[in-house]
Amino acid sequence: MAIYYGDGSNSNGSSDGGRIVQVKQSVLKGTASFYGDYDNAFTVITGLTVDITPKDNNNKILCQLNLHGSMNGRYSGIRLRRDSTEDFAIGNADSNKARVTATFPTNNDLSYHGYVLYNTQFSYLDSPATTSQVSYQITMNNCNTNSVILYVNRMHEGSNSTWNTRSISTFTCTEIAYT
């Protein structure tokens, strides 16, 4: 199925690769918290899901995450999930190592970890090969212990102080024409 553009060209032409077809974004302005689960049961971050229906099964979907958060520990990871079950953009298996899309940065000095709001970002170009709706989700987990609490858009330390910030996190999926 060709997509026709205002300049008279269409998505079947040889020079149309790279055009933006559509953009969908989820913005999480609130906060979330949950316990990390050492057995790799990654938790969906509610509010960071994007549903997109590709216009052509040859097109690509560029997934971009900008996530803020904190935790009361270390060693957490993020996964990009497609259609509720497929953690497809993760590192290769290697013994007991956790397979993630991106790591969530933490403070090496655990005595001050609760006073820092961290940021992590990633981009991944997916080829879903469909014109049916695709649902992309962001999941998170602590890969070391069950006793870690993960926070999104807030610091672990919760005092009512001006230095204790709240942020937003964004997840954007862009369909790109591919010929």
C-alpha atoms as a PDB file:
ATOM      1  CA  MET A   1       0.000   0.000   0.000  1.00  0.00           C
ATOM      2  CA  ALA A   2       1.559   3.278  -1.099  1.00  0.00           C
ATOM      3  CA  ILE A   3       1.474   6.384   1.043  1.00  0.00           C
ATOM      4  CA  TYR A   4       1.169   9.582  -1.028  1.00  0.00           C
ATOM      5  CA  TYR A   5       2.940  12.742   0.107  1.00  0.00           C
ATOM      6  CA  GLY A   6       2.180  16.408  -0.527  1.00  0.00           C
ATOM      7  CA  ASP A   7       5.059  16.779  -3.016  1.00  0.00           C
ATOM      8  CA  GLY A   8       3.512  14.106  -5.295  1.00  0.00           C
ATOM      9  CA  SER A   9       5.900  11.292  -4.332  1.00  0.00           C
ATOM     10  CA  ASN A  10       4.799   8.107  -2.606  1.00  0.00           C
ATOM     11  CA  SER A  11       6.188   5.401  -0.358  1.00  0.00           C
ATOM     12  CA  ASN A  12       6.765   3.053  -3.311  1.00  0.00           C
ATOM     13  CA  GLY A  13       9.405   5.389  -4.811  1.00  0.00           C
ATOM     14  CA  SER A  14      13.087   4.618  -4.412  1.00  0.00           C
ATOM     15  CA  SER A  15      13.896   7.929  -2.691  1.00  0.00           C
ATOM     16  CA  ASP A  16      11.240   7.744   0.009  1.00  0.00           C
ATOM     17  CA  GLY A  17      13.103   5.670   2.586  1.00  0.00           C
ATOM     18  CA  GLY A  18      13.475   7.557   5.834  1.00  0.00           C
ATOM     19  CA  ARG A  19      10.290   9.604   5.686  1.00  0.00           C
ATOM     20  CA  ILE A  20       8.376   9.870   8.941  1.00  0.00           C
ATOM     21  CA  VAL A  21       4.960   8.290   8.488  1.00  0.00           C
ATOM     22  CA  GLN A  22       3.534   8.729  12.015  1.00  0.00           C
ATOM     23  CA  VAL A  23       4.647   9.434  15.583  1.00  0.00           C
ATOM     24  CA  LYS A  24       3.054   8.130  18.797  1.00  0.00           C
ATOM     25  CA  GLN A  25       4.187   9.070  22.292  1.00  0.00           C
ATOM     26  CA  SER A  26       3.405   8.185  25.887  1.00  0.00           C
ATOM     27  CA  VAL A  27       4.285  10.703  28.577  1.00  0.00           C
ATOM     28  CA  LEU A  28       4.350   9.627  32.211  1.00  0.00           C
ATOM     29  CA  LYS A  29       4.063  12.676  34.479  1.00  0.00           C
ATOM     30  CA  GLY A  30       3.146  10.791  37.648  1.00  0.00           C
ATOM     31  CA  THR A  31       5.311   8.472  39.724  1.00  0.00           C
ATOM     32  CA  ALA A  32       5.465   4.719  40.054  1.00  0.00           C
ATOM     33  CA  SER A  33       7.211   2.347  42.435  1.00  0.00           C
ATOM     34  CA  PHE A  34       7.533  -1.428  42.650  1.00  0.00           C
ATOM     35  CA  TYR A  35       9.776  -4.106  44.108  1.00  0.00           C
ATOM     36  CA  GLY A  36      12.497  -5.556  41.957  1.00  0.00           C
ATOM     37  CA  ASP A  37      12.114  -9.288  41.362  1.00  0.00           C
ATOM     38  CA  TYR A  38      15.408 -11.147  41.167  1.00  0.00           C
ATOM     39  CA  ASP A  39      13.958 -13.982  39.054  1.00  0.00           C
ATOM     40  CA  ASN A  40      13.794 -11.653  36.015  1.00  0.00           C
ATOM     41  CA  ALA A  41      10.038 -11.077  36.127  1.00  0.00           C
ATOM     42  CA  PHE A  42      10.225  -7.605  34.616  1.00  0.00           C
ATOM     43  CA  THR A  43       7.361  -5.257  35.537  1.00  0.00           C
ATOM     44  CA  VAL A  44       5.546  -3.132  32.941  1.00  0.00           C
ATOM     45  CA  ILE A  45       5.843   0.569  33.749  1.00  0.00           C
ATOM     46  CA  THR A  46       2.226   1.672  33.540  1.00  0.00           C
ATOM     47  CA  GLY A  47       1.924   4.780  31.381  1.00  0.00           C
ATOM     48  CA  LEU A  48       4.894   3.974  29.118  1.00  0.00           C
ATOM     49  CA  THR A  49       3.122   1.918  26.469  1.00  0.00           C
ATOM     50  CA  VAL A  50       2.722   2.928  22.819  1.00  0.00           C
ATOM     51  CA  ASP A  51       0.276   1.282  20.405  1.00  0.00           C
ATOM     52  CA  ILE A  52       1.043   1.919  16.741  1.00  0.00           C
ATOM     53  CA  THR A  53      -0.397   0.449  13.527  1.00  0.00           C
ATOM     54  CA  PRO A  54       2.203   0.484  10.750  1.00  0.00           C
ATOM     55  CA  LYS A  55       0.940   1.737   7.376  1.00  0.00           C
ATOM     56  CA  ASP A  56       3.214  -0.654   5.447  1.00  0.00           C
ATOM     57  CA  ASN A  57       4.679  -3.992   6.528  1.00  0.00           C
ATOM     58  CA  ASN A  58       8.133  -2.972   5.217  1.00  0.00           C
ATOM     59  CA  ASN A  59       8.313   0.122   7.420  1.00  0.00           C
ATOM     60  CA  LYS A  60      10.454   0.389  10.537  1.00  0.00           C
ATOM     61  CA  ILE A  61       9.471   1.612  14.018  1.00  0.00           C
ATOM     62  CA  LEU A  62      12.029   3.733  15.888  1.00  0.00           C
ATOM     63  CA  CYS A  63      11.466   3.310  19.642  1.00  0.00           C
ATOM     64  CA  GLN A  64      13.040   5.973  21.884  1.00  0.00           C
ATOM     65  CA  LEU A  65      12.915   6.051  25.676  1.00  0.00           C
ATOM     66  CA  ASN A  66      13.840   8.820  28.109  1.00  0.00           C
ATOM     67  CA  LEU A  67      13.294   7.465  31.645  1.00  0.00           C
ATOM     68  CA  HIS A  68      13.948   9.068  35.033  1.00  0.00           C
ATOM     69  CA  GLY A  69      14.010   7.255  38.334  1.00  0.00           C
ATOM     70  CA  SER A  70      15.784   6.061  41.432  1.00  0.00           C
ATOM     71  CA  MET A  71      16.075   2.999  43.649  1.00  0.00           C
ATOM     72  CA  ASN A  72      17.332   1.876  47.021  1.00  0.00           C
ATOM     73  CA  GLY A  73      19.979  -0.389  45.509  1.00  0.00           C
ATOM     74  CA  ARG A  74      21.893  -1.205  42.327  1.00  0.00           C
ATOM     75  CA  TYR A  75      21.892  -3.426  39.228  1.00  0.00           C
ATOM     76  CA  SER A  76      18.598  -2.663  37.519  1.00  0.00           C
ATOM     77  CA  GLY A  77      17.725  -3.045  33.871  1.00  0.00           C
ATOM     78  CA  ILE A  78      15.097  -2.014  31.339  1.00  0.00           C
ATOM     79  CA  ARG A  79      13.592  -4.081  28.547  1.00  0.00           C
ATOM     80  CA  LEU A  80      11.672  -3.113  25.427  1.00  0.00           C
ATOM     81  CA  ARG A  81       8.709  -5.457  25.020  1.00  0.00           C
ATOM     82  CA  ARG A  82       6.549  -5.980  21.937  1.00  0.00           C
ATOM     83  CA  ASP A  83       2.940  -7.192  22.110  1.00  0.00           C
ATOM     84  CA  SER A  84       2.950  -7.931  25.854  1.00  0.00           C
ATOM     85  CA  THR A  85       5.161 -11.028  25.753  1.00  0.00           C
ATOM     86  CA  GLU A  86       8.183 -10.622  23.509  1.00  0.00           C
ATOM     87  CA  ASP A  87      11.295  -9.119  25.101  1.00  0.00           C
ATOM     88  CA  PHE A  88      13.018  -8.919  21.733  1.00  0.00           C
ATOM     89  CA  ALA A  89      15.586  -6.112  21.988  1.00  0.00           C
ATOM     90  CA  ILE A  90      17.855  -7.601  24.646  1.00  0.00           C
ATOM     91  CA  GLY A  91      21.490  -8.674  24.877  1.00  0.00           C
ATOM     92  CA  ASN A  92      22.606 -12.194  23.966  1.00  0.00           C
ATOM     93  CA  ALA A  93      22.437 -14.956  26.555  1.00  0.00           C
ATOM     94  CA  ASP A  94      25.667 -15.388  28.534  1.00  0.00           C
ATOM     95  CA  SER A  95      25.561 -17.705  31.540  1.00  0.00           C
ATOM     96  CA  ASN A  96      23.567 -16.114  34.397  1.00  0.00           C
ATOM     97  CA  LYS A  97      23.917 -12.529  33.194  1.00  0.00           C
ATOM     98  CA  ALA A  98      20.710 -10.492  33.010  1.00  0.00           C
ATOM     99  CA  ARG A  99      19.543  -9.764  29.448  1.00  0.00           C
ATOM    100  CA  VAL A 100      18.321  -6.187  29.096  1.00  0.00           C
ATOM    101  CA  THR A 101      17.775  -3.463  26.498  1.00  0.00           C
ATOM    102  CA  ALA A 102      19.482  -0.855  28.686  1.00  0.00           C
ATOM    103  CA  THR A 103      20.827  -0.594  32.196  1.00  0.00           C
ATOM    104  CA  PHE A 104      19.453   1.813  34.745  1.00  0.00           C
ATOM    105  CA  PRO A 105      22.320   3.876  36.183  1.00  0.00           C
ATOM    106  CA  THR A 106      22.891   3.893  39.911  1.00  0.00           C
ATOM    107  CA  ASN A 107      25.128   5.648  42.368  1.00  0.00           C
ATOM    108  CA  ASN A 108      28.223   3.667  43.319  1.00  0.00           C
ATOM    109  CA  ASP A 109      28.020   5.103  46.832  1.00  0.00           C
ATOM    110  CA  LEU A 110      24.903   3.423  48.227  1.00  0.00           C
ATOM    111  CA  SER A 111      24.838   5.784  51.193  1.00  0.00           C
ATOM    112  CA  TYR A 112      23.594   8.582  48.899  1.00  0.00           C
ATOM    113  CA  HIS A 113      21.645   6.664  46.263  1.00  0.00           C
ATOM    114  CA  GLY A 114      18.294   7.918  47.497  1.00  0.00           C
ATOM    115  CA  TYR A 115      19.217  11.536  46.793  1.00  0.00           C
ATOM    116  CA  VAL A 116      19.806  11.209  43.054  1.00  0.00           C
ATOM    117  CA  LEU A 117      17.284  11.133  40.190  1.00  0.00           C
ATOM    118  CA  TYR A 118      18.877   9.136  37.367  1.00  0.00           C
ATOM    119  CA  ASN A 119      18.229   9.224  33.630  1.00  0.00           C
ATOM    120  CA  THR A 120      18.552   6.500  31.025  1.00  0.00           C
ATOM    121  CA  GLN A 121      17.828   6.601  27.315  1.00  0.00           C
ATOM    122  CA  PHE A 122      17.840   4.201  24.403  1.00  0.00           C
ATOM    123  CA  SER A 123      16.848   4.004  20.751  1.00  0.00           C
ATOM    124  CA  TYR A 124      15.981   0.821  18.891  1.00  0.00           C
ATOM    125  CA  LEU A 125      14.898   0.428  15.241  1.00  0.00           C
ATOM    126  CA  ASP A 126      12.376  -2.410  14.993  1.00  0.00           C
ATOM    127  CA  SER A 127      11.082  -4.251  11.918  1.00  0.00           C
ATOM    128  CA  PRO A 128       7.652  -5.557  12.994  1.00  0.00           C
ATOM    129  CA  ALA A 129       6.751  -6.691   9.412  1.00  0.00           C
ATOM    130  CA  THR A 130       3.015  -6.141   9.900  1.00  0.00           C
ATOM    131  CA  THR A 131       0.185  -3.711   9.264  1.00  0.00           C
ATOM    132  CA  SER A 132      -1.606  -4.858  12.423  1.00  0.00           C
ATOM    133  CA  GLN A 133      -1.390  -2.880  15.651  1.00  0.00           C
ATOM    134  CA  VAL A 134       1.860  -3.354  17.574  1.00  0.00           C
ATOM    135  CA  SER A 135       2.047  -2.588  21.297  1.00  0.00           C
ATOM    136  CA  TYR A 136       5.430  -1.542  22.693  1.00  0.00           C
ATOM    137  CA  GLN A 137       5.973  -1.514  26.462  1.00  0.00           C
ATOM    138  CA  ILE A 138       8.786  -0.540  28.790  1.00  0.00           C
ATOM    139  CA  THR A 139       9.555  -2.995  31.592  1.00  0.00           C
ATOM    140  CA  MET A 140      11.989  -2.684  34.484  1.00  0.00           C
ATOM    141  CA  ASN A 141      13.502  -4.945  37.118  1.00  0.00           C
ATOM    142  CA  ASN A 142      16.297  -5.192  39.617  1.00  0.00           C
ATOM    143  CA  CYS A 143      18.616  -7.970  38.503  1.00  0.00           C
ATOM    144  CA  ASN A 144      20.267  -8.610  41.872  1.00  0.00           C
ATOM    145  CA  THR A 145      17.838  -8.920  44.782  1.00  0.00           C
ATOM    146  CA  ASN A 146      14.154  -8.854  45.716  1.00  0.00           C
ATOM    147  CA  SER A 147      14.628  -6.172  48.364  1.00  0.00           C
ATOM    148  CA  VAL A 148      15.161  -3.237  45.975  1.00  0.00           C
ATOM    149  CA  ILE A 149      12.370  -0.738  45.395  1.00  0.00           C
ATOM    150  CA  LEU A 150      12.407   0.883  41.950  1.00  0.00           C
ATOM    151  CA  TYR A 151      10.967   4.377  41.483  1.00  0.00           C
ATOM    152  CA  VAL A 152       9.984   6.162  38.286  1.00  0.00           C
ATOM    153  CA  ASN A 153       9.975   9.982  38.066  1.00  0.00           C
ATOM    154  CA  ARG A 154      10.971  10.432  41.707  1.00  0.00           C
ATOM    155  CA  MET A 155      13.854   9.991  44.106  1.00  0.00           C
ATOM    156  CA  HIS A 156      13.956   7.179  46.635  1.00  0.00           C
ATOM    157  CA  GLU A 157      14.294   9.772  49.398  1.00  0.00           C
ATOM    158  CA  GLY A 158      10.827  11.260  49.747  1.00  0.00           C
ATOM    159  CA  SER A 159      11.165  14.374  51.890  1.00  0.00           C
ATOM    160  CA  ASN A 160       9.193  17.487  51.007  1.00  0.00           C
ATOM    161  CA  SER A 161      12.230  19.589  50.019  1.00  0.00           C
ATOM    162  CA  THR A 162      12.906  21.862  47.053  1.00  0.00           C
ATOM    163  CA  TRP A 163      15.885  19.709  46.016  1.00  0.00           C
ATOM    164  CA  ASN A 164      13.688  16.602  45.867  1.00  0.00           C
ATOM    165  CA  THR A 165      12.516  16.670  42.253  1.00  0.00           C
ATOM    166  CA  ARG A 166       9.758  15.117  40.181  1.00  0.00           C
ATOM    167  CA  SER A 167      10.224  14.615  36.457  1.00  0.00           C
ATOM    168  CA  ILE A 168       8.515  13.178  33.404  1.00  0.00           C
ATOM    169  CA  SER A 169       9.478  10.147  31.338  1.00  0.00           C
ATOM    170  CA  THR A 170       8.691   9.789  27.630  1.00  0.00           C
ATOM    171  CA  PHE A 171       8.437   6.849  25.249  1.00  0.00           C
ATOM    172  CA  THR A 172       8.160   7.689  21.547  1.00  0.00           C
ATOM    173  CA  CYS A 173       7.585   5.353  18.598  1.00  0.00           C
ATOM    174  CA  THR A 174       8.095   6.739  15.080  1.00  0.00           C
ATOM    175  CA  GLU A 175       7.106   4.858  11.939  1.00  0.00           C
ATOM    176  CA  ILE A 176       9.700   5.378   9.228  1.00  0.00           C
ATOM    177  CA  ALA A 177       9.072   4.541   5.570  1.00  0.00           C
ATOM    178  CA  TYR A 178      11.449   1.897   4.324  1.00  0.00           C
ATOM    179  CA  THR A 179      11.856   0.949   0.694  1.00  0.00           C
END
